[in-house]
């Protein structure tokens, strides 16, 4: 089992920044990748970014490119999502998730991530 806990959400004005954290514990050696997803009210869960747990390679949704940066600490226990130039349409609950399949690529599909955190709310006011 892998446990994931997100933190860092909050209320910010448009153009502002937030940094989300995803702390992993348990069988972290089994993690292949960590992904960030978000879900706004009435919408489907949407892929934001992913990082290879060991190599640090990254993959971004088009909506995140140039504004968001995913990274991990050297101890491989926490993954971050730095969000800059936030827009009202970024408002959502943000989730981190762990993919344990050595699939050889970073997946944008939520159904391929096995473990999920509880989510953290990000609200961007206009």
N, C-alpha and C. Protein backbone atom coordinates (compact mmCIF):
# COMPACT_ATOMS: atom_id res chain seq x y z
N UNK A 1 0.83 -1.20 0.00
CA UNK A 1 0.00 0.00 0.00
C UNK A 1 0.86 1.25 0.00
N UNK A 2 0.39 2.26 -0.67
CA UNK A 2 1.03 3.57 -0.70
C UNK A 2 0.01 4.58 -0.20
N UNK A 3 0.44 5.42 0.70
CA UNK A 3 -0.42 6.49 1.21
C UNK A 3 0.08 7.82 0.65
N UNK A 4 -0.87 8.64 0.22
CA UNK A 4 -0.54 9.94 -0.36
C UNK A 4 -1.34 11.02 0.36
N UNK A 5 -0.66 12.09 0.72
CA UNK A 5 -1.33 13.20 1.40
C UNK A 5 -0.96 14.50 0.70
N UNK A 6 -1.97 15.20 0.18
CA UNK A 6 -1.75 16.48 -0.47
C UNK A 6 -1.88 17.62 0.53
N UNK A 7 -1.19 18.70 0.24
CA UNK A 7 -1.32 19.93 1.03
C UNK A 7 -0.93 21.11 0.15
N UNK A 8 -1.24 22.30 0.64
CA UNK A 8 -0.82 23.50 -0.05
C UNK A 8 -1.89 24.24 -0.82
N UNK A 9 -3.09 23.69 -0.86
CA UNK A 9 -4.16 24.38 -1.57
C UNK A 9 -4.61 25.61 -0.82
N UNK A 10 -5.46 26.39 -1.47
CA UNK A 10 -5.97 27.60 -0.83
C UNK A 10 -6.62 28.52 -1.82
N UNK A 11 -6.86 29.75 -1.36
CA UNK A 11 -7.49 30.78 -2.18
C UNK A 11 -6.41 31.76 -2.64
N UNK A 12 -6.38 32.04 -3.93
CA UNK A 12 -5.38 32.96 -4.48
C UNK A 12 -6.03 33.78 -5.58
N UNK A 13 -5.52 34.99 -5.78
CA UNK A 13 -6.04 35.82 -6.86
C UNK A 13 -5.45 35.39 -8.20
N UNK A 14 -6.17 35.68 -9.24
CA UNK A 14 -5.67 35.39 -10.59
C UNK A 14 -4.30 36.03 -10.78
N UNK A 15 -3.40 35.28 -11.38
CA UNK A 15 -2.03 35.72 -11.56
C UNK A 15 -1.09 35.32 -10.45
N UNK A 16 -1.65 34.81 -9.37
CA UNK A 16 -0.85 34.40 -8.24
C UNK A 16 -0.28 33.00 -8.39
N UNK A 17 0.35 32.54 -7.32
CA UNK A 17 1.03 31.24 -7.33
C UNK A 17 0.67 30.43 -6.10
N UNK A 18 0.73 29.12 -6.26
CA UNK A 18 0.60 28.19 -5.15
C UNK A 18 1.54 27.03 -5.41
N UNK A 19 2.01 26.41 -4.32
CA UNK A 19 2.79 25.17 -4.46
C UNK A 19 2.09 24.08 -3.68
N UNK A 20 1.71 23.05 -4.40
CA UNK A 20 1.09 21.88 -3.80
C UNK A 20 2.14 20.84 -3.49
N UNK A 21 1.92 20.10 -2.40
CA UNK A 21 2.82 19.02 -2.02
C UNK A 21 2.05 17.72 -1.96
N UNK A 22 2.74 16.64 -2.28
CA UNK A 22 2.17 15.29 -2.20
C UNK A 22 3.19 14.44 -1.46
N UNK A 23 2.89 14.11 -0.21
CA UNK A 23 3.80 13.32 0.60
C UNK A 23 3.41 11.85 0.49
N UNK A 24 4.38 11.03 0.14
CA UNK A 24 4.15 9.60 -0.05
C UNK A 24 4.76 8.82 1.10
N UNK A 25 4.07 7.76 1.51
CA UNK A 25 4.58 6.86 2.54
C UNK A 25 4.11 5.46 2.25
N UNK A 26 4.63 4.51 3.01
CA UNK A 26 4.29 3.11 2.78
C UNK A 26 5.27 2.47 1.81
N UNK A 27 4.75 1.70 0.87
CA UNK A 27 5.59 0.96 -0.06
C UNK A 27 6.02 1.85 -1.23
N UNK A 28 6.75 2.90 -0.91
CA UNK A 28 7.12 3.88 -1.95
C UNK A 28 8.06 3.29 -2.99
N UNK A 29 8.75 2.21 -2.66
CA UNK A 29 9.64 1.58 -3.64
C UNK A 29 8.85 1.03 -4.82
N UNK A 30 7.54 0.84 -4.64
CA UNK A 30 6.70 0.29 -5.71
C UNK A 30 6.18 1.36 -6.66
N UNK A 31 6.45 2.63 -6.36
CA UNK A 31 5.93 3.71 -7.19
C UNK A 31 6.75 3.85 -8.48
N UNK A 32 6.07 3.92 -9.61
CA UNK A 32 6.73 4.22 -10.89
C UNK A 32 6.62 5.70 -11.21
N UNK A 33 5.43 6.26 -10.96
CA UNK A 33 5.22 7.68 -11.27
C UNK A 33 4.19 8.26 -10.32
N UNK A 34 4.28 9.56 -10.17
CA UNK A 34 3.26 10.32 -9.44
C UNK A 34 2.63 11.30 -10.42
N UNK A 35 1.32 11.33 -10.42
CA UNK A 35 0.60 12.27 -11.27
C UNK A 35 -0.24 13.22 -10.45
N UNK A 36 -0.43 14.42 -11.01
CA UNK A 36 -1.37 15.36 -10.44
C UNK A 36 -2.58 15.45 -11.38
N UNK A 37 -3.74 15.39 -10.79
CA UNK A 37 -5.00 15.52 -11.51
C UNK A 37 -5.83 16.60 -10.82
N UNK A 38 -6.84 17.09 -11.51
CA UNK A 38 -7.75 18.04 -10.89
C UNK A 38 -9.17 17.78 -11.35
N UNK A 39 -10.10 18.18 -10.51
CA UNK A 39 -11.51 18.00 -10.85
C UNK A 39 -12.29 19.21 -10.39
N UNK A 40 -12.88 19.90 -11.34
CA UNK A 40 -13.76 21.03 -11.05
C UNK A 40 -15.19 20.54 -10.93
N UNK A 41 -16.04 21.29 -10.23
CA UNK A 41 -17.44 20.86 -10.06
C UNK A 41 -18.11 20.63 -11.41
N UNK A 42 -18.75 19.47 -11.53
CA UNK A 42 -19.48 19.15 -12.74
C UNK A 42 -18.63 18.71 -13.92
N UNK A 43 -17.32 18.58 -13.69
CA UNK A 43 -16.42 18.18 -14.77
C UNK A 43 -15.71 16.88 -14.43
N UNK A 44 -15.16 16.25 -15.46
CA UNK A 44 -14.42 15.01 -15.26
C UNK A 44 -13.03 15.32 -14.69
N UNK A 45 -12.45 14.31 -14.04
CA UNK A 45 -11.09 14.47 -13.53
C UNK A 45 -10.14 14.64 -14.70
N UNK A 46 -9.23 15.60 -14.57
CA UNK A 46 -8.37 16.01 -15.67
C UNK A 46 -6.90 15.86 -15.28
N UNK A 47 -6.11 15.32 -16.18
CA UNK A 47 -4.67 15.17 -15.97
C UNK A 47 -3.99 16.54 -16.01
N UNK A 48 -3.03 16.75 -15.10
CA UNK A 48 -2.28 18.00 -15.06
C UNK A 48 -0.81 17.76 -15.39
N UNK A 49 -0.17 16.86 -14.65
CA UNK A 49 1.26 16.62 -14.85
C UNK A 49 1.63 15.32 -14.17
N UNK A 50 2.77 14.75 -14.58
CA UNK A 50 3.26 13.52 -13.97
C UNK A 50 4.78 13.54 -13.96
N UNK A 51 5.35 12.79 -13.01
CA UNK A 51 6.80 12.71 -12.89
C UNK A 51 7.19 11.27 -12.60
N UNK A 52 8.27 10.82 -13.27
CA UNK A 52 8.82 9.50 -12.97
C UNK A 52 9.45 9.55 -11.59
N UNK A 53 9.06 8.62 -10.74
CA UNK A 53 9.45 8.67 -9.33
C UNK A 53 10.96 8.60 -9.15
N UNK A 54 11.64 7.87 -10.03
CA UNK A 54 13.08 7.65 -9.87
C UNK A 54 13.93 8.53 -10.80
N UNK A 55 13.54 8.62 -12.06
CA UNK A 55 14.36 9.39 -13.01
C UNK A 55 14.09 10.87 -12.99
N UNK A 56 12.86 11.24 -12.56
CA UNK A 56 12.49 12.65 -12.55
C UNK A 56 11.99 13.19 -13.86
N UNK A 57 11.85 12.34 -14.87
CA UNK A 57 11.31 12.82 -16.13
C UNK A 57 9.86 13.26 -15.92
N UNK A 58 9.43 14.22 -16.74
CA UNK A 58 8.12 14.83 -16.52
C UNK A 58 7.27 14.85 -17.78
N UNK A 59 5.99 15.07 -17.57
CA UNK A 59 5.02 15.13 -18.67
C UNK A 59 3.90 16.06 -18.22
N UNK A 60 3.50 16.98 -19.11
CA UNK A 60 2.50 17.98 -18.74
C UNK A 60 1.32 17.97 -19.71
N UNK A 61 0.15 18.27 -19.17
CA UNK A 61 -0.99 18.58 -20.03
C UNK A 61 -0.75 19.93 -20.68
N UNK A 62 -1.36 20.14 -21.82
CA UNK A 62 -1.16 21.41 -22.52
C UNK A 62 -1.57 22.60 -21.64
N UNK A 63 -2.58 22.40 -20.82
CA UNK A 63 -3.07 23.50 -19.96
C UNK A 63 -2.06 23.88 -18.88
N UNK A 64 -1.11 22.99 -18.61
CA UNK A 64 -0.14 23.23 -17.54
C UNK A 64 1.22 23.70 -18.07
N UNK A 65 1.51 23.44 -19.32
CA UNK A 65 2.81 23.77 -19.89
C UNK A 65 3.10 25.26 -19.78
N UNK A 66 4.29 25.57 -19.29
CA UNK A 66 4.70 26.96 -19.19
C UNK A 66 4.25 27.66 -17.92
N UNK A 67 3.30 27.08 -17.20
CA UNK A 67 2.81 27.70 -15.96
C UNK A 67 3.05 26.84 -14.73
N UNK A 68 2.96 25.52 -14.89
CA UNK A 68 3.10 24.60 -13.77
C UNK A 68 4.41 23.83 -13.90
N UNK A 69 5.01 23.49 -12.75
CA UNK A 69 6.22 22.67 -12.73
C UNK A 69 6.06 21.58 -11.70
N UNK A 70 6.26 20.34 -12.12
CA UNK A 70 6.22 19.22 -11.21
C UNK A 70 7.66 18.83 -10.88
N UNK A 71 7.90 18.51 -9.61
CA UNK A 71 9.25 18.14 -9.19
C UNK A 71 9.15 17.21 -7.99
N UNK A 72 10.29 16.63 -7.61
CA UNK A 72 10.29 15.77 -6.44
C UNK A 72 11.53 16.07 -5.62
N UNK A 73 11.48 15.73 -4.34
CA UNK A 73 12.67 15.96 -3.52
C UNK A 73 13.64 14.80 -3.70
N UNK A 74 14.88 15.02 -3.32
CA UNK A 74 15.92 14.01 -3.54
C UNK A 74 15.69 12.76 -2.72
N UNK A 75 14.99 12.87 -1.62
CA UNK A 75 14.72 11.70 -0.79
C UNK A 75 13.60 10.86 -1.36
N UNK A 76 12.99 11.36 -2.44
CA UNK A 76 11.90 10.64 -3.11
C UNK A 76 10.77 10.32 -2.16
N UNK A 77 10.38 11.33 -1.39
CA UNK A 77 9.23 11.15 -0.53
C UNK A 77 8.12 12.15 -0.82
N UNK A 78 8.45 13.24 -1.49
CA UNK A 78 7.46 14.29 -1.74
C UNK A 78 7.57 14.78 -3.17
N UNK A 79 6.41 14.97 -3.78
CA UNK A 79 6.32 15.55 -5.11
C UNK A 79 5.60 16.88 -4.99
N UNK A 80 6.08 17.85 -5.74
CA UNK A 80 5.53 19.19 -5.68
C UNK A 80 4.90 19.57 -7.02
N UNK A 81 3.92 20.45 -6.94
CA UNK A 81 3.37 21.06 -8.15
C UNK A 81 3.38 22.57 -7.92
N UNK A 82 4.33 23.24 -8.55
CA UNK A 82 4.41 24.69 -8.49
C UNK A 82 3.51 25.27 -9.56
N UNK A 83 2.56 26.07 -9.14
CA UNK A 83 1.58 26.63 -10.07
C UNK A 83 1.71 28.14 -10.10
N UNK A 84 2.07 28.67 -11.25
CA UNK A 84 2.23 30.11 -11.43
C UNK A 84 1.19 30.64 -12.42
N UNK A 85 1.02 31.94 -12.41
CA UNK A 85 0.08 32.59 -13.35
C UNK A 85 -1.28 31.91 -13.32
N UNK A 86 -1.78 31.71 -12.13
CA UNK A 86 -3.04 30.97 -11.98
C UNK A 86 -4.21 31.75 -12.56
N UNK A 87 -5.15 30.99 -13.10
CA UNK A 87 -6.35 31.54 -13.73
C UNK A 87 -7.58 31.01 -13.01
N UNK A 88 -8.70 31.72 -13.09
CA UNK A 88 -9.92 31.20 -12.46
C UNK A 88 -10.29 29.80 -12.93
N UNK A 89 -9.98 29.47 -14.17
CA UNK A 89 -10.31 28.14 -14.68
C UNK A 89 -9.42 27.04 -14.10
N UNK A 90 -8.41 27.42 -13.31
CA UNK A 90 -7.60 26.42 -12.61
C UNK A 90 -8.27 25.99 -11.30
N UNK A 91 -9.37 26.63 -10.94
CA UNK A 91 -10.07 26.27 -9.72
C UNK A 91 -10.58 24.84 -9.78
N UNK A 92 -10.21 24.04 -8.78
CA UNK A 92 -10.56 22.63 -8.76
C UNK A 92 -10.02 22.01 -7.47
N UNK A 93 -10.44 20.78 -7.24
CA UNK A 93 -9.77 19.95 -6.23
C UNK A 93 -8.63 19.24 -6.95
N UNK A 94 -7.43 19.37 -6.39
CA UNK A 94 -6.24 18.77 -6.98
C UNK A 94 -5.88 17.51 -6.20
N UNK A 95 -5.65 16.44 -6.94
CA UNK A 95 -5.31 15.14 -6.37
C UNK A 95 -3.94 14.71 -6.89
N UNK A 96 -3.17 14.04 -6.02
CA UNK A 96 -2.01 13.33 -6.51
C UNK A 96 -2.31 11.83 -6.46
N UNK A 97 -1.65 11.11 -7.34
CA UNK A 97 -1.91 9.68 -7.48
C UNK A 97 -0.63 8.96 -7.85
N UNK A 98 -0.55 7.70 -7.47
CA UNK A 98 0.65 6.90 -7.72
C UNK A 98 0.35 5.78 -8.70
N UNK A 99 1.24 5.67 -9.68
CA UNK A 99 1.18 4.60 -10.68
C UNK A 99 2.29 3.62 -10.36
N UNK A 100 1.96 2.36 -10.13
CA UNK A 100 2.96 1.36 -9.77
C UNK A 100 3.37 0.46 -10.90
N UNK A 101 2.82 0.68 -12.09
CA UNK A 101 3.11 -0.18 -13.24
C UNK A 101 4.32 0.36 -13.98
N UNK A 102 5.34 -0.47 -14.17
CA UNK A 102 6.54 -0.07 -14.90
C UNK A 102 6.22 -0.06 -16.39
N UNK A 103 5.33 0.86 -16.77
CA UNK A 103 4.80 0.86 -18.13
C UNK A 103 5.74 1.52 -19.14
N UNK A 104 6.78 2.21 -18.69
CA UNK A 104 7.75 2.79 -19.60
C UNK A 104 7.38 4.17 -20.11
N UNK A 105 6.25 4.69 -19.67
CA UNK A 105 5.88 6.05 -20.06
C UNK A 105 5.02 6.64 -18.94
N UNK A 106 4.89 7.94 -18.95
CA UNK A 106 4.06 8.62 -17.97
C UNK A 106 2.65 8.73 -18.53
N UNK A 107 1.71 8.19 -17.79
CA UNK A 107 0.34 8.10 -18.30
C UNK A 107 -0.51 9.29 -17.87
N UNK A 108 -1.34 9.82 -18.77
CA UNK A 108 -2.32 10.86 -18.41
C UNK A 108 -3.67 10.28 -17.99
N UNK A 109 -3.78 8.95 -17.95
CA UNK A 109 -5.07 8.31 -17.68
C UNK A 109 -5.24 8.06 -16.19
N UNK A 110 -6.30 8.61 -15.63
CA UNK A 110 -6.55 8.45 -14.20
C UNK A 110 -6.76 6.99 -13.82
N UNK A 111 -7.32 6.20 -14.72
CA UNK A 111 -7.61 4.80 -14.38
C UNK A 111 -6.35 3.94 -14.30
N UNK A 112 -5.20 4.51 -14.67
CA UNK A 112 -3.95 3.75 -14.57
C UNK A 112 -3.17 4.08 -13.30
N UNK A 113 -3.76 4.92 -12.46
CA UNK A 113 -3.13 5.24 -11.17
C UNK A 113 -3.89 4.50 -10.08
N UNK A 114 -3.16 3.81 -9.23
CA UNK A 114 -3.79 2.92 -8.26
C UNK A 114 -4.10 3.62 -6.94
N UNK A 115 -3.19 4.43 -6.47
CA UNK A 115 -3.34 5.04 -5.16
C UNK A 115 -3.60 6.53 -5.32
N UNK A 116 -4.52 7.05 -4.49
CA UNK A 116 -4.93 8.44 -4.59
C UNK A 116 -4.92 9.10 -3.22
N UNK A 117 -4.59 10.38 -3.20
CA UNK A 117 -4.73 11.17 -1.99
C UNK A 117 -6.16 11.68 -1.86
N UNK A 118 -6.39 12.45 -0.81
CA UNK A 118 -7.74 12.92 -0.50
C UNK A 118 -8.09 14.20 -1.24
N UNK A 119 -7.09 14.86 -1.80
CA UNK A 119 -7.34 16.08 -2.57
C UNK A 119 -7.15 17.34 -1.76
N UNK A 120 -6.82 18.42 -2.44
CA UNK A 120 -6.69 19.73 -1.81
C UNK A 120 -7.35 20.76 -2.72
N UNK A 121 -8.13 21.65 -2.13
CA UNK A 121 -8.90 22.61 -2.91
C UNK A 121 -8.04 23.80 -3.31
N UNK A 122 -8.09 24.14 -4.58
CA UNK A 122 -7.45 25.35 -5.10
C UNK A 122 -8.54 26.24 -5.68
N UNK A 123 -8.62 27.45 -5.19
CA UNK A 123 -9.61 28.40 -5.68
C UNK A 123 -8.90 29.66 -6.16
N UNK A 124 -9.13 30.02 -7.41
CA UNK A 124 -8.50 31.20 -7.99
C UNK A 124 -9.60 32.23 -8.27
N UNK A 125 -9.50 33.36 -7.61
CA UNK A 125 -10.51 34.40 -7.78
C UNK A 125 -10.10 35.37 -8.89
N UNK A 126 -11.10 35.90 -9.57
CA UNK A 126 -10.81 36.82 -10.68
C UNK A 126 -10.72 38.26 -10.20
